[in-house]
Amino acid sequence: MGEFIIYYRGKIVGGIYDDRLLVKPIKSSIDYMPSALYELPYDGAKEMLLIDGVDSKEFLTGLFYAMYDELPAPKPKKKR
Protein backbone atom coordinates (compact mmCIF):
# COMPACT_ATOMS: atom_id res chain seq x y z
CA MET A 1 0.00 0.00 0.00
CA GLY A 2 1.09 3.59 -0.52
CA GLU A 3 2.57 5.97 1.95
CA PHE A 4 -0.48 8.26 1.92
CA ILE A 5 -3.94 7.97 0.37
CA ILE A 6 -5.36 11.26 -0.97
CA TYR A 7 -9.06 11.99 -0.47
CA TYR A 8 -11.10 14.74 -2.11
CA ARG A 9 -14.50 15.40 -0.54
CA GLY A 10 -14.56 11.88 0.92
CA LYS A 11 -13.52 10.00 -2.24
CA ILE A 12 -10.11 8.49 -2.98
CA VAL A 13 -8.41 10.27 -5.90
CA GLY A 14 -4.93 8.77 -5.55
CA GLY A 15 -1.97 8.70 -3.25
CA ILE A 16 1.65 9.56 -2.59
CA TYR A 17 3.99 6.68 -3.39
CA ASP A 18 7.77 6.99 -3.09
CA ASP A 19 7.55 10.81 -3.22
CA ARG A 20 5.31 10.74 -6.32
CA LEU A 21 1.71 11.96 -6.48
CA LEU A 22 -0.32 9.46 -8.50
CA VAL A 23 -4.04 9.57 -9.30
CA LYS A 24 -6.52 7.02 -10.59
CA PRO A 25 -6.51 6.73 -14.40
CA ILE A 26 -10.19 7.40 -14.99
CA LYS A 27 -11.58 9.12 -18.10
CA SER A 28 -11.75 12.55 -16.48
CA SER A 29 -8.15 12.49 -15.21
CA ILE A 30 -6.86 11.18 -18.56
CA ASP A 31 -8.78 13.93 -20.39
CA TYR A 32 -7.46 16.56 -17.96
CA MET A 33 -3.84 15.39 -18.40
CA PRO A 34 -3.61 13.70 -21.82
CA SER A 35 0.20 13.59 -21.79
CA ALA A 36 0.58 12.25 -18.24
CA LEU A 37 2.84 9.25 -17.71
CA TYR A 38 1.54 5.99 -16.30
CA GLU A 39 3.51 4.58 -13.36
CA LEU A 40 3.16 1.73 -10.91
CA PRO A 41 2.67 2.88 -7.33
CA TYR A 42 4.20 -0.39 -6.05
CA ASP A 43 4.90 -3.89 -7.34
CA GLY A 44 1.76 -5.75 -8.29
CA ALA A 45 -0.45 -2.64 -8.42
CA LYS A 46 -2.37 -1.19 -11.35
CA GLU A 47 -0.82 1.74 -13.19
CA MET A 48 -1.77 5.24 -12.13
CA LEU A 49 -1.18 8.70 -13.62
CA LEU A 50 1.84 10.69 -12.45
CA ILE A 51 1.05 14.30 -11.50
CA ASP A 52 3.62 16.78 -12.73
CA GLY A 53 2.06 20.00 -11.39
CA VAL A 54 2.18 19.26 -7.66
CA ASP A 55 3.14 22.86 -6.88
CA SER A 56 0.08 24.32 -8.62
CA LYS A 57 -2.92 24.67 -6.32
CA GLU A 58 -5.11 25.65 -9.28
CA PHE A 59 -4.07 22.60 -11.32
CA LEU A 60 -4.69 20.12 -8.48
CA THR A 61 -8.01 21.71 -7.53
CA GLY A 62 -9.18 21.58 -11.15
CA LEU A 63 -8.03 17.98 -11.56
CA PHE A 64 -9.69 16.72 -8.37
CA TYR A 65 -12.89 18.65 -9.19
CA ALA A 66 -12.95 17.11 -12.69
CA MET A 67 -12.48 13.61 -11.25
CA TYR A 68 -15.02 13.83 -8.41
CA ASP A 69 -18.27 12.80 -10.16
CA GLU A 70 -16.62 9.82 -11.84
CA LEU A 71 -15.05 8.40 -8.66
CA PRO A 72 -16.91 5.66 -6.79
CA ALA A 73 -18.70 6.51 -3.58
CA PRO A 74 -16.93 5.43 -0.40
CA LYS A 75 -17.83 1.98 0.84
CA PRO A 76 -20.06 2.01 3.93
CA LYS A 77 -18.30 1.06 7.12
CA LYS A 78 -19.20 -2.30 8.62
CA LYS A 79 -21.16 -2.21 11.84
CA ARG A 80 -19.75 -4.17 14.73
PDB file of N, CA and C in Angstrom:
ATOM      1  N   MET A   1       0.847  -1.179   0.000  1.00  0.00           N
ATOM      2  CA  MET A   1       0.000   0.000   0.000  1.00  0.00           C
ATOM      3  C   MET A   1       0.884   1.231   0.000  1.00  0.00           C
ATOM      4  N   GLY A   2       0.332   2.353  -0.406  1.00  0.00           N
ATOM      5  CA  GLY A   2       1.087   3.587  -0.521  1.00  0.00           C
ATOM      6  C   GLY A   2       1.398   4.234   0.813  1.00  0.00           C
ATOM      7  N   GLU A   3       2.211   5.245   0.742  1.00  0.00           N
ATOM      8  CA  GLU A   3       2.572   5.972   1.949  1.00  0.00           C
ATOM      9  C   GLU A   3       1.379   6.780   2.464  1.00  0.00           C
ATOM     10  N   PHE A   4       0.671   7.451   1.554  1.00  0.00           N
ATOM     11  CA  PHE A   4      -0.482   8.260   1.919  1.00  0.00           C
ATOM     12  C   PHE A   4      -1.562   8.101   0.858  1.00  0.00           C
ATOM     13  N   ILE A   5      -2.804   7.988   1.280  1.00  0.00           N
ATOM     14  CA  ILE A   5      -3.940   7.973   0.366  1.00  0.00           C
ATOM     15  C   ILE A   5      -4.511   9.392   0.355  1.00  0.00           C
ATOM     16  N   ILE A   6      -4.836   9.903  -0.826  1.00  0.00           N
ATOM     17  CA  ILE A   6      -5.355  11.260  -0.971  1.00  0.00           C
ATOM     18  C   ILE A   6      -6.862  11.190  -1.205  1.00  0.00           C
ATOM     19  N   TYR A   7      -7.605  11.899  -0.359  1.00  0.00           N
ATOM     20  CA  TYR A   7      -9.062  11.988  -0.472  1.00  0.00           C
ATOM     21  C   TYR A   7      -9.442  13.383  -0.938  1.00  0.00           C
ATOM     22  N   TYR A   8     -10.491  13.460  -1.739  1.00  0.00           N
ATOM     23  CA  TYR A   8     -11.100  14.740  -2.114  1.00  0.00           C
ATOM     24  C   TYR A   8     -12.584  14.610  -1.842  1.00  0.00           C
ATOM     25  N   ARG A   9     -13.082  15.405  -0.924  1.00  0.00           N
ATOM     26  CA  ARG A   9     -14.495  15.398  -0.537  1.00  0.00           C
ATOM     27  C   ARG A   9     -14.992  13.974  -0.245  1.00  0.00           C
ATOM     28  N   GLY A  10     -14.164  13.203   0.467  1.00  0.00           N
ATOM     29  CA  GLY A  10     -14.561  11.881   0.916  1.00  0.00           C
ATOM     30  C   GLY A  10     -14.312  10.743  -0.055  1.00  0.00           C
ATOM     31  N   LYS A  11     -13.800  11.040  -1.251  1.00  0.00           N
ATOM     32  CA  LYS A  11     -13.520   9.999  -2.240  1.00  0.00           C
ATOM     33  C   LYS A  11     -12.014   9.905  -2.479  1.00  0.00           C
ATOM     34  N   ILE A  12     -11.532   8.695  -2.730  1.00  0.00           N
ATOM     35  CA  ILE A  12     -10.108   8.495  -2.979  1.00  0.00           C
ATOM     36  C   ILE A  12      -9.786   8.890  -4.414  1.00  0.00           C
ATOM     37  N   VAL A  13      -8.840   9.844  -4.564  1.00  0.00           N
ATOM     38  CA  VAL A  13      -8.408  10.272  -5.896  1.00  0.00           C
ATOM     39  C   VAL A  13      -7.059   9.671  -6.272  1.00  0.00           C
ATOM     40  N   GLY A  14      -6.259   9.317  -5.275  1.00  0.00           N
ATOM     41  CA  GLY A  14      -4.932   8.771  -5.551  1.00  0.00           C
ATOM     42  C   GLY A  14      -4.134   8.640  -4.278  1.00  0.00           C
ATOM     43  N   GLY A  15      -2.823   8.820  -4.416  1.00  0.00           N
ATOM     44  CA  GLY A  15      -1.965   8.697  -3.250  1.00  0.00           C
ATOM     45  C   GLY A  15      -0.560   9.179  -3.537  1.00  0.00           C
ATOM     46  N   ILE A  16       0.237   9.208  -2.473  1.00  0.00           N
ATOM     47  CA  ILE A  16       1.647   9.558  -2.585  1.00  0.00           C
ATOM     48  C   ILE A  16       2.439   8.273  -2.380  1.00  0.00           C
ATOM     49  N   TYR A  17       3.214   7.915  -3.381  1.00  0.00           N
ATOM     50  CA  TYR A  17       3.986   6.677  -3.389  1.00  0.00           C
ATOM     51  C   TYR A  17       5.426   7.011  -3.740  1.00  0.00           C
ATOM     52  N   ASP A  18       6.347   6.724  -2.841  1.00  0.00           N
ATOM     53  CA  ASP A  18       7.774   6.990  -3.088  1.00  0.00           C
ATOM     54  C   ASP A  18       7.992   8.423  -3.587  1.00  0.00           C
ATOM     55  N   ASP A  19       7.415   9.382  -2.892  1.00  0.00           N
ATOM     56  CA  ASP A  19       7.552  10.807  -3.219  1.00  0.00           C
ATOM     57  C   ASP A  19       6.986  11.186  -4.590  1.00  0.00           C
ATOM     58  N   ARG A  20       5.992  10.427  -5.055  1.00  0.00           N
ATOM     59  CA  ARG A  20       5.306  10.740  -6.318  1.00  0.00           C
ATOM     60  C   ARG A  20       3.817  10.823  -6.038  1.00  0.00           C
ATOM     61  N   LEU A  21       3.167  11.851  -6.578  1.00  0.00           N
ATOM     62  CA  LEU A  21       1.711  11.963  -6.483  1.00  0.00           C
ATOM     63  C   LEU A  21       1.114  11.276  -7.697  1.00  0.00           C
ATOM     64  N   LEU A  22       0.328  10.224  -7.445  1.00  0.00           N
ATOM     65  CA  LEU A  22      -0.317   9.458  -8.498  1.00  0.00           C
ATOM     66  C   LEU A  22      -1.818   9.490  -8.286  1.00  0.00           C
ATOM     67  N   VAL A  23      -2.579   9.577  -9.388  1.00  0.00           N
ATOM     68  CA  VAL A  23      -4.041   9.567  -9.301  1.00  0.00           C
ATOM     69  C   VAL A  23      -4.595   8.425 -10.138  1.00  0.00           C
ATOM     70  N   LYS A  24      -5.844   8.094  -9.858  1.00  0.00           N
ATOM     71  CA  LYS A  24      -6.525   7.022 -10.592  1.00  0.00           C
ATOM     72  C   LYS A  24      -6.656   7.400 -12.067  1.00  0.00           C
ATOM     73  N   PRO A  25      -6.400   6.450 -12.960  1.00  0.00           N
ATOM     74  CA  PRO A  25      -6.509   6.731 -14.397  1.00  0.00           C
ATOM     75  C   PRO A  25      -7.934   6.543 -14.899  1.00  0.00           C
ATOM     76  N   ILE A  26      -8.805   7.442 -14.522  1.00  0.00           N
ATOM     77  CA  ILE A  26     -10.188   7.405 -14.986  1.00  0.00           C
ATOM     78  C   ILE A  26     -10.324   8.376 -16.161  1.00  0.00           C
ATOM     79  N   LYS A  27     -11.416   8.301 -16.886  1.00  0.00           N
ATOM     80  CA  LYS A  27     -11.581   9.118 -18.095  1.00  0.00           C
ATOM     81  C   LYS A  27     -11.333  10.603 -17.838  1.00  0.00           C
ATOM     82  N   SER A  28     -11.885  11.121 -16.749  1.00  0.00           N
ATOM     83  CA  SER A  28     -11.749  12.554 -16.482  1.00  0.00           C
ATOM     84  C   SER A  28     -10.304  12.960 -16.196  1.00  0.00           C
ATOM     85  N   SER A  29      -9.548  12.130 -15.486  1.00  0.00           N
ATOM     86  CA  SER A  29      -8.148  12.490 -15.210  1.00  0.00           C
ATOM     87  C   SER A  29      -7.290  12.347 -16.468  1.00  0.00           C
ATOM     88  N   ILE A  30      -7.589  11.353 -17.291  1.00  0.00           N
ATOM     89  CA  ILE A  30      -6.865  11.182 -18.557  1.00  0.00           C
ATOM     90  C   ILE A  30      -7.158  12.360 -19.488  1.00  0.00           C
ATOM     91  N   ASP A  31      -8.419  12.778 -19.562  1.00  0.00           N
ATOM     92  CA  ASP A  31      -8.785  13.927 -20.394  1.00  0.00           C
ATOM     93  C   ASP A  31      -8.138  15.214 -19.886  1.00  0.00           C
ATOM     94  N   TYR A  32      -8.032  15.351 -18.571  1.00  0.00           N
ATOM     95  CA  TYR A  32      -7.460  16.558 -17.958  1.00  0.00           C
ATOM     96  C   TYR A  32      -5.952  16.620 -18.183  1.00  0.00           C
ATOM     97  N   MET A  33      -5.305  15.461 -18.233  1.00  0.00           N
ATOM     98  CA  MET A  33      -3.844  15.393 -18.396  1.00  0.00           C
ATOM     99  C   MET A  33      -3.504  14.382 -19.498  1.00  0.00           C
ATOM    100  N   PRO A  34      -3.788  14.684 -20.750  1.00  0.00           N
ATOM    101  CA  PRO A  34      -3.612  13.696 -21.820  1.00  0.00           C
ATOM    102  C   PRO A  34      -2.171  13.228 -22.028  1.00  0.00           C
ATOM    103  N   SER A  35      -1.201  14.002 -21.587  1.00  0.00           N
ATOM    104  CA  SER A  35       0.200  13.590 -21.794  1.00  0.00           C
ATOM    105  C   SER A  35       0.842  13.033 -20.523  1.00  0.00           C
ATOM    106  N   ALA A  36       0.041  12.771 -19.500  1.00  0.00           N
ATOM    107  CA  ALA A  36       0.583  12.252 -18.241  1.00  0.00           C
ATOM    108  C   ALA A  36       1.166  10.851 -18.430  1.00  0.00           C
ATOM    109  N   LEU A  37       2.205  10.573 -17.680  1.00  0.00           N
ATOM    110  CA  LEU A  37       2.838   9.255 -17.713  1.00  0.00           C
ATOM    111  C   LEU A  37       2.112   8.302 -16.775  1.00  0.00           C
ATOM    112  N   TYR A  38       2.095   7.037 -17.154  1.00  0.00           N
ATOM    113  CA  TYR A  38       1.544   5.987 -16.299  1.00  0.00           C
ATOM    114  C   TYR A  38       2.697   5.371 -15.513  1.00  0.00           C
ATOM    115  N   GLU A  39       2.498   5.202 -14.203  1.00  0.00           N
ATOM    116  CA  GLU A  39       3.513   4.585 -13.363  1.00  0.00           C
ATOM    117  C   GLU A  39       2.862   3.640 -12.370  1.00  0.00           C
ATOM    118  N   LEU A  40       3.637   2.668 -11.933  1.00  0.00           N
ATOM    119  CA  LEU A  40       3.162   1.734 -10.910  1.00  0.00           C
ATOM    120  C   LEU A  40       3.438   2.324  -9.527  1.00  0.00           C
ATOM    121  N   PRO A  41       2.427   2.369  -8.681  1.00  0.00           N
ATOM    122  CA  PRO A  41       2.667   2.883  -7.328  1.00  0.00           C
ATOM    123  C   PRO A  41       3.554   1.949  -6.510  1.00  0.00           C
ATOM    124  N   TYR A  42       3.405   0.641  -6.731  1.00  0.00           N
ATOM    125  CA  TYR A  42       4.198  -0.389  -6.051  1.00  0.00           C
ATOM    126  C   TYR A  42       4.062  -1.680  -6.860  1.00  0.00           C
ATOM    127  N   ASP A  43       4.935  -2.619  -6.606  1.00  0.00           N
ATOM    128  CA  ASP A  43       4.904  -3.891  -7.342  1.00  0.00           C
ATOM    129  C   ASP A  43       3.563  -4.581  -7.193  1.00  0.00           C
ATOM    130  N   GLY A  44       3.021  -5.034  -8.303  1.00  0.00           N
ATOM    131  CA  GLY A  44       1.759  -5.754  -8.293  1.00  0.00           C
ATOM    132  C   GLY A  44       0.522  -4.870  -8.358  1.00  0.00           C
ATOM    133  N   ALA A  45       0.683  -3.569  -8.369  1.00  0.00           N
ATOM    134  CA  ALA A  45      -0.453  -2.641  -8.419  1.00  0.00           C
ATOM    135  C   ALA A  45      -0.803  -2.295  -9.856  1.00  0.00           C
ATOM    136  N   LYS A  46      -1.970  -1.704 -10.032  1.00  0.00           N
ATOM    137  CA  LYS A  46      -2.371  -1.195 -11.347  1.00  0.00           C
ATOM    138  C   LYS A  46      -1.683   0.154 -11.577  1.00  0.00           C
ATOM    139  N   GLU A  47      -1.446   0.468 -12.850  1.00  0.00           N
ATOM    140  CA  GLU A  47      -0.817   1.740 -13.189  1.00  0.00           C
ATOM    141  C   GLU A  47      -1.718   2.914 -12.807  1.00  0.00           C
ATOM    142  N   MET A  48      -1.074   4.005 -12.451  1.00  0.00           N
ATOM    143  CA  MET A  48      -1.773   5.243 -12.126  1.00  0.00           C
ATOM    144  C   MET A  48      -1.095   6.370 -12.895  1.00  0.00           C
ATOM    145  N   LEU A  49      -1.727   7.547 -12.905  1.00  0.00           N
ATOM    146  CA  LEU A  49      -1.183   8.701 -13.619  1.00  0.00           C
ATOM    147  C   LEU A  49      -0.283   9.522 -12.695  1.00  0.00           C
ATOM    148  N   LEU A  50       0.891   9.865 -13.196  1.00  0.00           N
ATOM    149  CA  LEU A  50       1.839  10.693 -12.454  1.00  0.00           C
ATOM    150  C   LEU A  50       1.450  12.162 -12.605  1.00  0.00           C
ATOM    151  N   ILE A  51       1.372  12.867 -11.484  1.00  0.00           N
ATOM    152  CA  ILE A  51       1.050  14.296 -11.496  1.00  0.00           C
ATOM    153  C   ILE A  51       2.338  15.090 -11.556  1.00  0.00           C
ATOM    154  N   ASP A  52       2.440  15.938 -12.560  1.00  0.00           N
ATOM    155  CA  ASP A  52       3.623  16.776 -12.730  1.00  0.00           C
ATOM    156  C   ASP A  52       3.476  18.113 -12.012  1.00  0.00           C
ATOM    157  N   GLY A  53       2.272  18.667 -11.939  1.00  0.00           N
ATOM    158  CA  GLY A  53       2.057  19.999 -11.389  1.00  0.00           C
ATOM    159  C   GLY A  53       1.721  20.019  -9.914  1.00  0.00           C
ATOM    160  N   VAL A  54       2.526  19.352  -9.092  1.00  0.00           N
ATOM    161  CA  VAL A  54       2.184  19.262  -7.660  1.00  0.00           C
ATOM    162  C   VAL A  54       2.291  20.598  -6.939  1.00  0.00           C
ATOM    163  N   ASP A  55       2.993  21.560  -7.524  1.00  0.00           N
ATOM    164  CA  ASP A  55       3.139  22.863  -6.879  1.00  0.00           C
ATOM    165  C   ASP A  55       2.025  23.833  -7.259  1.00  0.00           C
ATOM    166  N   SER A  56       1.139  23.434  -8.150  1.00  0.00           N
ATOM    167  CA  SER A  56       0.078  24.321  -8.619  1.00  0.00           C
ATOM    168  C   SER A  56      -1.252  23.990  -7.946  1.00  0.00           C
ATOM    169  N   LYS A  57      -1.640  24.841  -7.031  1.00  0.00           N
ATOM    170  CA  LYS A  57      -2.917  24.671  -6.325  1.00  0.00           C
ATOM    171  C   LYS A  57      -4.079  24.674  -7.316  1.00  0.00           C
ATOM    172  N   GLU A  58      -4.035  25.540  -8.300  1.00  0.00           N
ATOM    173  CA  GLU A  58      -5.107  25.650  -9.280  1.00  0.00           C
ATOM    174  C   GLU A  58      -5.215  24.376 -10.118  1.00  0.00           C
ATOM    175  N   PHE A  59      -4.071  23.821 -10.524  1.00  0.00           N
ATOM    176  CA  PHE A  59      -4.070  22.597 -11.321  1.00  0.00           C
ATOM    177  C   PHE A  59      -4.663  21.442 -10.529  1.00  0.00           C
ATOM    178  N   LEU A  60      -4.202  21.234  -9.299  1.00  0.00           N
ATOM    179  CA  LEU A  60      -4.689  20.121  -8.480  1.00  0.00           C
ATOM    180  C   LEU A  60      -6.165  20.273  -8.147  1.00  0.00           C
ATOM    181  N   THR A  61      -6.596  21.481  -7.829  1.00  0.00           N
ATOM    182  CA  THR A  61      -8.005  21.714  -7.532  1.00  0.00           C
ATOM    183  C   THR A  61      -8.866  21.398  -8.748  1.00  0.00           C
ATOM    184  N   GLY A  62      -8.442  21.857  -9.913  1.00  0.00           N
ATOM    185  CA  GLY A  62      -9.177  21.582 -11.148  1.00  0.00           C
ATOM    186  C   GLY A  62      -9.220  20.100 -11.480  1.00  0.00           C
ATOM    187  N   LEU A  63      -8.101  19.412 -11.288  1.00  0.00           N
ATOM    188  CA  LEU A  63      -8.033  17.978 -11.556  1.00  0.00           C
ATOM    189  C   LEU A  63      -8.965  17.203 -10.628  1.00  0.00           C
ATOM    190  N   PHE A  64      -8.865  17.454  -9.333  1.00  0.00           N
ATOM    191  CA  PHE A  64      -9.695  16.724  -8.373  1.00  0.00           C
ATOM    192  C   PHE A  64     -11.180  17.029  -8.589  1.00  0.00           C
ATOM    193  N   TYR A  65     -11.500  18.273  -8.905  1.00  0.00           N
ATOM    194  CA  TYR A  65     -12.889  18.649  -9.186  1.00  0.00           C
ATOM    195  C   TYR A  65     -13.401  17.900 -10.417  1.00  0.00           C
ATOM    196  N   ALA A  66     -12.557  17.806 -11.461  1.00  0.00           N
ATOM    197  CA  ALA A  66     -12.949  17.109 -12.691  1.00  0.00           C
ATOM    198  C   ALA A  66     -13.171  15.623 -12.433  1.00  0.00           C
ATOM    199  N   MET A  67     -12.404  15.033 -11.532  1.00  0.00           N
ATOM    200  CA  MET A  67     -12.484  13.606 -11.251  1.00  0.00           C
ATOM    201  C   MET A  67     -13.652  13.232 -10.345  1.00  0.00           C
ATOM    202  N   TYR A  68     -14.120  14.142  -9.517  1.00  0.00           N
ATOM    203  CA  TYR A  68     -15.018  13.829  -8.410  1.00  0.00           C
ATOM    204  C   TYR A  68     -16.257  13.023  -8.814  1.00  0.00           C
ATOM    205  N   ASP A  69     -17.006  13.474  -9.801  1.00  0.00           N
ATOM    206  CA  ASP A  69     -18.267  12.802 -10.157  1.00  0.00           C
ATOM    207  C   ASP A  69     -18.052  11.385 -10.687  1.00  0.00           C
ATOM    208  N   GLU A  70     -16.903  11.127 -11.260  1.00  0.00           N
ATOM    209  CA  GLU A  70     -16.621   9.820 -11.842  1.00  0.00           C
ATOM    210  C   GLU A  70     -16.101   8.807 -10.812  1.00  0.00           C
ATOM    211  N   LEU A  71     -15.601   9.290  -9.698  1.00  0.00           N
ATOM    212  CA  LEU A  71     -15.047   8.404  -8.665  1.00  0.00           C
ATOM    213  C   LEU A  71     -16.150   7.646  -7.938  1.00  0.00           C
ATOM    214  N   PRO A  72     -15.886   6.413  -7.533  1.00  0.00           N
ATOM    215  CA  PRO A  72     -16.906   5.657  -6.795  1.00  0.00           C
ATOM    216  C   PRO A  72     -17.148   6.238  -5.410  1.00  0.00           C
ATOM    217  N   ALA A  73     -18.362   6.072  -4.938  1.00  0.00           N
ATOM    218  CA  ALA A  73     -18.704   6.515  -3.583  1.00  0.00           C
ATOM    219  C   ALA A  73     -17.938   5.659  -2.578  1.00  0.00           C
ATOM    220  N   PRO A  74     -17.622   6.233  -1.425  1.00  0.00           N
ATOM    221  CA  PRO A  74     -16.933   5.434  -0.400  1.00  0.00           C
ATOM    222  C   PRO A  74     -17.790   4.254   0.039  1.00  0.00           C
ATOM    223  N   LYS A  75     -17.115   3.155   0.354  1.00  0.00           N
ATOM    224  CA  LYS A  75     -17.829   1.980   0.836  1.00  0.00           C
ATOM    225  C   LYS A  75     -18.324   2.244   2.250  1.00  0.00           C
ATOM    226  N   PRO A  76     -19.554   1.815   2.560  1.00  0.00           N
ATOM    227  CA  PRO A  76     -20.055   2.011   3.925  1.00  0.00           C
ATOM    228  C   PRO A  76     -19.237   1.191   4.914  1.00  0.00           C
ATOM    229  N   LYS A  77     -19.045   1.767   6.094  1.00  0.00           N
ATOM    230  CA  LYS A  77     -18.298   1.058   7.123  1.00  0.00           C
ATOM    231  C   LYS A  77     -19.154  -0.063   7.715  1.00  0.00           C
ATOM    232  N   LYS A  78     -18.491  -1.161   8.032  1.00  0.00           N
ATOM    233  CA  LYS A  78     -19.201  -2.299   8.624  1.00  0.00           C
ATOM    234  C   LYS A  78     -19.551  -1.989  10.073  1.00  0.00           C
ATOM    235  N   LYS A  79     -20.753  -2.383  10.447  1.00  0.00           N
ATOM    236  CA  LYS A  79     -21.161  -2.206  11.843  1.00  0.00           C
ATOM    237  C   LYS A  79     -20.631  -3.375  12.648  1.00  0.00           C
ATOM    238  N   ARG A  80     -20.264  -3.105  13.852  1.00  0.00           N
ATOM    239  CA  ARG A  80     -19.746  -4.170  14.727  1.00  0.00           C
ATOM    240  C   ARG A  80     -20.798  -4.708  15.616  1.00  0.00           C
TER     241      ARG A  80
END
